[in-house]
Amino acid sequence: MDLAVAHRTSSSASADAGVAVGAVFQNDLAQWSPELMVGYRDVATEHIDATRAHFVSGVTEFGLPANQIGGQGVLARVALKGENSSGGFAAEAGAERRDALTIYDLRLTAHLAF
């Protein structure tokens, strides 16, 4: 299948307010820090265009309407970060609930010094 997807433009603006707490624990070899953030997000404006496409072997164009996922609601994030002279890591997880939408995310990162 060879699919040609048309250009589209979308925009969104949101504002977050929250409270974060955390701590840093360290010794001579390493440091690590747990963090917790809770807050509120409001999507002030959002415009997401539909995706327009057609199969290259045909001429009939079709569209996939975009879900407008604005709204407002609560969010929370938890993270654990660590670092030593050889590198570091971070494990972060979050959740957001606004109107009829629930979003979960997980991010794992690492860096090495050499």
C-alpha atoms as a PDB file:
ATOM      1  CA  MET A   1       0.000   0.000   0.000  1.00  0.00           C
ATOM      2  CA  ASP A   2       1.356   3.388  -0.975  1.00  0.00           C
ATOM      3  CA  LEU A   3      -0.428   6.167   0.877  1.00  0.00           C
ATOM      4  CA  ALA A   4      -0.056   9.907   0.227  1.00  0.00           C
ATOM      5  CA  VAL A   5      -0.964  12.038   3.255  1.00  0.00           C
ATOM      6  CA  ALA A   6      -1.772  15.729   2.779  1.00  0.00           C
ATOM      7  CA  HIS A   7      -0.216  18.520   4.855  1.00  0.00           C
ATOM      8  CA  ARG A   8      -2.207  19.630   7.896  1.00  0.00           C
ATOM      9  CA  THR A   9      -1.853  22.280  10.561  1.00  0.00           C
ATOM     10  CA  SER A  10      -2.952  21.923  14.162  1.00  0.00           C
ATOM     11  CA  SER A  11      -2.466  24.004  17.292  1.00  0.00           C
ATOM     12  CA  SER A  12      -3.126  23.749  20.997  1.00  0.00           C
ATOM     13  CA  ALA A  13      -2.459  25.967  24.011  1.00  0.00           C
ATOM     14  CA  SER A  14      -2.762  24.817  27.593  1.00  0.00           C
ATOM     15  CA  ALA A  15      -1.865  26.024  31.086  1.00  0.00           C
ATOM     16  CA  ASP A  16      -0.767  23.919  34.059  1.00  0.00           C
ATOM     17  CA  ALA A  17      -0.644  24.785  37.740  1.00  0.00           C
ATOM     18  CA  GLY A  18       0.709  22.381  40.292  1.00  0.00           C
ATOM     19  CA  VAL A  19       2.623  21.687  43.459  1.00  0.00           C
ATOM     20  CA  ALA A  20       5.771  19.576  43.440  1.00  0.00           C
ATOM     21  CA  VAL A  21       7.579  18.025  46.377  1.00  0.00           C
ATOM     22  CA  GLY A  22      10.803  16.096  46.370  1.00  0.00           C
ATOM     23  CA  ALA A  23      14.027  15.388  48.158  1.00  0.00           C
ATOM     24  CA  VAL A  24      17.664  14.714  47.311  1.00  0.00           C
ATOM     25  CA  PHE A  25      19.571  11.928  49.047  1.00  0.00           C
ATOM     26  CA  GLN A  26      23.298  11.553  48.465  1.00  0.00           C
ATOM     27  CA  ASN A  27      26.468   9.953  49.675  1.00  0.00           C
ATOM     28  CA  ASP A  28      30.054  10.040  48.402  1.00  0.00           C
ATOM     29  CA  LEU A  29      29.239   7.788  45.415  1.00  0.00           C
ATOM     30  CA  ALA A  30      25.800   8.791  44.140  1.00  0.00           C
ATOM     31  CA  GLN A  31      22.653  10.791  44.624  1.00  0.00           C
ATOM     32  CA  TRP A  32      19.000   9.987  44.003  1.00  0.00           C
ATOM     33  CA  SER A  33      15.802  11.947  44.285  1.00  0.00           C
ATOM     34  CA  PRO A  34      12.112  11.051  44.432  1.00  0.00           C
ATOM     35  CA  GLU A  35       9.603  13.644  43.189  1.00  0.00           C
ATOM     36  CA  LEU A  36       5.809  13.984  43.225  1.00  0.00           C
ATOM     37  CA  MET A  37       3.749  16.610  41.423  1.00  0.00           C
ATOM     38  CA  VAL A  38      -0.030  17.111  41.468  1.00  0.00           C
ATOM     39  CA  GLY A  39      -1.810  19.803  39.553  1.00  0.00           C
ATOM     40  CA  TYR A  40      -4.514  20.993  37.214  1.00  0.00           C
ATOM     41  CA  ARG A  41      -4.432  21.500  33.424  1.00  0.00           C
ATOM     42  CA  ASP A  42      -6.747  23.587  31.259  1.00  0.00           C
ATOM     43  CA  VAL A  43      -6.599  23.374  27.472  1.00  0.00           C
ATOM     44  CA  ALA A  44      -7.449  26.969  26.606  1.00  0.00           C
ATOM     45  CA  THR A  45      -7.622  26.604  22.842  1.00  0.00           C
ATOM     46  CA  GLU A  46      -7.268  23.734  20.422  1.00  0.00           C
ATOM     47  CA  HIS A  47      -7.636  23.288  16.688  1.00  0.00           C
ATOM     48  CA  ILE A  48      -6.762  19.915  15.156  1.00  0.00           C
ATOM     49  CA  ASP A  49      -7.347  19.505  11.433  1.00  0.00           C
ATOM     50  CA  ALA A  50      -8.610  16.276   9.922  1.00  0.00           C
ATOM     51  CA  THR A  51      -6.049  14.057   8.196  1.00  0.00           C
ATOM     52  CA  ARG A  52      -6.657  13.915   4.406  1.00  0.00           C
ATOM     53  CA  ALA A  53      -5.055  11.147   2.323  1.00  0.00           C
ATOM     54  CA  HIS A  54      -5.420   8.958  -0.747  1.00  0.00           C
ATOM     55  CA  PHE A  55      -3.862   5.748  -2.014  1.00  0.00           C
ATOM     56  CA  VAL A  56      -1.342   6.532  -4.747  1.00  0.00           C
ATOM     57  CA  SER A  57      -2.881   3.895  -7.025  1.00  0.00           C
ATOM     58  CA  GLY A  58      -6.288   5.614  -6.742  1.00  0.00           C
ATOM     59  CA  VAL A  59      -7.685   9.109  -6.879  1.00  0.00           C
ATOM     60  CA  THR A  60     -10.402   8.998  -4.220  1.00  0.00           C
ATOM     61  CA  GLU A  61      -9.370  11.083  -1.238  1.00  0.00           C
ATOM     62  CA  PHE A  62     -10.590  10.206   2.242  1.00  0.00           C
ATOM     63  CA  GLY A  63     -10.434  11.957   5.594  1.00  0.00           C
ATOM     64  CA  LEU A  64      -9.878  10.877   9.171  1.00  0.00           C
ATOM     65  CA  PRO A  65     -11.527  13.360  11.530  1.00  0.00           C
ATOM     66  CA  ALA A  66      -9.469  14.468  14.503  1.00  0.00           C
ATOM     67  CA  ASN A  67     -10.703  14.110  18.047  1.00  0.00           C
ATOM     68  CA  GLN A  68     -10.827  17.448  19.806  1.00  0.00           C
ATOM     69  CA  ILE A  69      -9.392  16.506  23.191  1.00  0.00           C
ATOM     70  CA  GLY A  70      -9.554  19.811  25.032  1.00  0.00           C
ATOM     71  CA  GLY A  71     -10.996  20.303  28.467  1.00  0.00           C
ATOM     72  CA  GLN A  72      -9.657  20.602  31.954  1.00  0.00           C
ATOM     73  CA  GLY A  73      -8.803  18.308  34.813  1.00  0.00           C
ATOM     74  CA  VAL A  74      -6.263  16.957  37.263  1.00  0.00           C
ATOM     75  CA  LEU A  75      -2.802  15.573  36.594  1.00  0.00           C
ATOM     76  CA  ALA A  76      -0.146  13.814  38.647  1.00  0.00           C
ATOM     77  CA  ARG A  77       3.454  12.772  38.054  1.00  0.00           C
ATOM     78  CA  VAL A  78       5.889  10.696  40.062  1.00  0.00           C
ATOM     79  CA  ALA A  79       9.604  10.376  39.318  1.00  0.00           C
ATOM     80  CA  LEU A  80      12.718   8.699  40.639  1.00  0.00           C
ATOM     81  CA  LYS A  81      16.071  10.023  39.438  1.00  0.00           C
ATOM     82  CA  GLY A  82      19.582   8.906  40.229  1.00  0.00           C
ATOM     83  CA  GLU A  83      23.095   9.896  39.238  1.00  0.00           C
ATOM     84  CA  ASN A  84      26.707   8.990  39.913  1.00  0.00           C
ATOM     85  CA  SER A  85      30.057   9.634  38.219  1.00  0.00           C
ATOM     86  CA  SER A  86      29.303   7.027  35.506  1.00  0.00           C
ATOM     87  CA  GLY A  87      25.892   8.338  34.460  1.00  0.00           C
ATOM     88  CA  GLY A  88      22.318   8.584  35.567  1.00  0.00           C
ATOM     89  CA  PHE A  89      18.765   7.398  35.119  1.00  0.00           C
ATOM     90  CA  ALA A  90      15.223   8.681  35.476  1.00  0.00           C
ATOM     91  CA  ALA A  91      11.953   6.769  35.712  1.00  0.00           C
ATOM     92  CA  GLU A  92       8.860   8.947  35.445  1.00  0.00           C
ATOM     93  CA  ALA A  93       5.149   8.100  35.296  1.00  0.00           C
ATOM     94  CA  GLY A  94       2.156  10.358  34.956  1.00  0.00           C
ATOM     95  CA  ALA A  95      -1.602  10.405  34.647  1.00  0.00           C
ATOM     96  CA  GLU A  96      -4.024  13.066  33.471  1.00  0.00           C
ATOM     97  CA  ARG A  97      -7.808  13.023  33.631  1.00  0.00           C
ATOM     98  CA  ARG A  98      -9.846  15.715  31.913  1.00  0.00           C
ATOM     99  CA  ASP A  99     -13.452  15.535  30.789  1.00  0.00           C
ATOM    100  CA  ALA A 100     -13.848  12.205  28.911  1.00  0.00           C
ATOM    101  CA  LEU A 101     -10.102  11.659  28.400  1.00  0.00           C
ATOM    102  CA  THR A 102      -7.575   9.754  30.514  1.00  0.00           C
ATOM    103  CA  ILE A 103      -3.878   9.798  29.562  1.00  0.00           C
ATOM    104  CA  TYR A 104      -1.128   7.658  31.103  1.00  0.00           C
ATOM    105  CA  ASP A 105       2.543   7.992  30.259  1.00  0.00           C
ATOM    106  CA  LEU A 106       5.810   6.375  31.256  1.00  0.00           C
ATOM    107  CA  ARG A 107       9.288   7.658  30.464  1.00  0.00           C
ATOM    108  CA  LEU A 108      12.585   5.891  31.152  1.00  0.00           C
ATOM    109  CA  THR A 109      15.845   7.664  30.420  1.00  0.00           C
ATOM    110  CA  ALA A 110      19.517   6.963  31.029  1.00  0.00           C
ATOM    111  CA  HIS A 111      22.788   8.659  30.244  1.00  0.00           C
ATOM    112  CA  LEU A 112      26.328   7.375  30.467  1.00  0.00           C
ATOM    113  CA  ALA A 113      29.565   9.271  30.942  1.00  0.00           C
ATOM    114  CA  PHE A 114      32.607   7.944  29.094  1.00  0.00           C
END
